[in-house]
Amino acid sequence: MAKNISDSSFEQEVLQSEIPVIVDFWAEWCGPCKVIGPLLEELDNDYKGKVKVVKMDVEENPATPGKFKIRNIPTVLYFKNGKVVDKQVGAAPKKKFEDKLLALI
């Protein structure tokens, strides 16, 4: 299951991760966020140990989304070695998320 992270745990969970990380920036009221959530959970299970999927509620944690200029949700950022290497804004099919993930591993 994708782990919920906060502004305070972002550096440790994402920037210092030894494996690629997918960060799902979302909010409880966001319909498209609820659509992609289960897709990202599936990818987390499918690629366990090769990639980490985490979720950040933008309303509870405003600092990190601001730092990465998140303007729309859902926004999914792909990190490798502590750097953003790809991005997906808005809902998309599972294959699109998976293709971006496969480029990281």
Protein backbone atom coordinates (compact mmCIF):
# COMPACT_ATOMS: atom_id res chain seq x y z
CA MET A 1 0.00 0.00 0.00
CA ALA A 2 1.26 3.46 -0.88
CA LYS A 3 2.55 5.28 2.19
CA ASN A 4 1.22 8.70 3.17
CA ILE A 5 4.05 11.15 3.68
CA SER A 6 4.27 14.70 5.00
CA ASP A 7 6.38 17.80 4.50
CA SER A 8 8.55 16.64 7.40
CA SER A 9 9.11 13.10 6.07
CA PHE A 10 9.54 14.05 2.39
CA GLU A 11 13.32 14.34 2.40
CA GLN A 12 13.86 10.98 4.09
CA GLU A 13 11.16 9.09 2.17
CA VAL A 14 11.78 10.57 -1.29
CA LEU A 15 15.02 12.51 -1.67
CA GLN A 16 17.13 10.01 0.29
CA SER A 17 15.49 6.89 -1.12
CA GLU A 18 17.83 4.34 -2.68
CA ILE A 19 15.12 3.24 -5.12
CA PRO A 20 13.01 5.40 -7.47
CA VAL A 21 9.97 7.05 -5.88
CA ILE A 22 6.61 8.01 -7.36
CA VAL A 23 4.93 10.82 -5.42
CA ASP A 24 1.18 11.27 -5.84
CA PHE A 25 0.14 14.82 -4.86
CA TRP A 26 -3.59 14.65 -4.14
CA ALA A 27 -6.48 15.95 -2.00
CA GLU A 28 -9.51 14.24 -0.49
CA TRP A 29 -12.00 16.33 -2.52
CA CYS A 30 -10.28 15.65 -5.88
CA GLY A 31 -12.26 13.27 -8.13
CA PRO A 32 -9.44 12.45 -10.59
CA CYS A 33 -7.16 11.78 -7.59
CA LYS A 34 -9.55 9.04 -6.48
CA VAL A 35 -9.40 7.55 -9.99
CA ILE A 36 -5.61 7.24 -10.14
CA GLY A 37 -5.10 6.25 -6.49
CA PRO A 38 -5.98 2.57 -7.04
CA LEU A 39 -3.83 2.45 -10.21
CA LEU A 40 -0.80 3.68 -8.29
CA GLU A 41 -1.55 1.18 -5.50
CA GLU A 42 -1.46 -1.60 -8.11
CA LEU A 43 1.90 -0.37 -9.39
CA ASP A 44 3.21 -0.22 -5.82
CA ASN A 45 2.28 -3.88 -5.39
CA ASP A 46 3.46 -4.94 -8.85
CA TYR A 47 6.91 -3.38 -8.45
CA LYS A 48 7.46 -3.81 -4.70
CA GLY A 49 11.14 -3.41 -3.86
CA LYS A 50 11.97 -1.82 -7.23
CA VAL A 51 10.06 1.41 -6.77
CA LYS A 52 8.30 3.16 -3.89
CA VAL A 53 4.90 4.84 -4.28
CA VAL A 54 3.97 7.52 -1.75
CA LYS A 55 1.05 9.94 -1.42
CA MET A 56 1.05 13.52 -0.17
CA ASP A 57 -2.14 15.39 0.72
CA VAL A 58 -1.55 18.91 -0.62
CA GLU A 59 -3.94 20.52 1.84
CA GLU A 60 -2.25 19.04 4.92
CA ASN A 61 1.26 19.58 3.53
CA PRO A 62 1.52 22.85 1.59
CA ALA A 63 5.31 23.36 1.73
CA THR A 64 6.47 20.50 -0.50
CA PRO A 65 3.88 21.01 -3.28
CA GLY A 66 4.82 24.71 -3.26
CA LYS A 67 8.51 23.88 -3.57
CA PHE A 68 7.83 21.71 -6.63
CA LYS A 69 5.34 24.22 -8.12
CA ILE A 70 2.39 21.82 -7.99
CA ARG A 71 -0.49 23.87 -9.42
CA ASN A 72 -2.96 21.14 -10.37
CA ILE A 73 -3.86 17.83 -8.82
CA PRO A 74 -3.45 15.05 -9.28
CA THR A 75 0.19 15.57 -10.12
CA VAL A 76 2.55 12.61 -10.00
CA LEU A 77 6.28 13.29 -9.80
CA TYR A 78 8.85 10.59 -10.53
CA PHE A 79 12.09 10.81 -8.53
CA LYS A 80 15.37 9.01 -9.05
CA ASN A 81 18.47 9.71 -6.97
CA GLY A 82 16.65 12.58 -5.25
CA LYS A 83 15.83 14.42 -8.47
CA VAL A 84 12.58 14.86 -10.41
CA VAL A 85 12.97 12.94 -13.67
CA ASP A 86 9.39 12.86 -14.96
CA LYS A 87 5.90 14.22 -14.28
CA GLN A 88 2.26 13.38 -15.01
CA VAL A 89 -0.42 16.00 -14.45
CA GLY A 90 -4.02 14.79 -14.37
CA ALA A 91 -5.57 11.36 -14.58
CA ALA A 92 -4.23 8.87 -17.11
CA PRO A 93 -4.48 5.13 -17.83
CA LYS A 94 -2.40 2.75 -15.73
CA LYS A 95 -0.15 2.01 -18.73
CA LYS A 96 0.98 5.64 -18.92
CA PHE A 97 2.06 5.63 -15.26
CA GLU A 98 3.65 2.21 -15.70
CA ASP A 99 5.63 3.27 -18.80
CA LYS A 100 7.08 6.24 -16.90
CA LEU A 101 7.88 3.96 -13.94
CA LEU A 102 9.62 1.40 -16.15
CA ALA A 103 11.93 4.11 -17.49
CA LEU A 104 13.24 4.55 -13.92
CA ILE A 105 14.14 0.94 -13.15
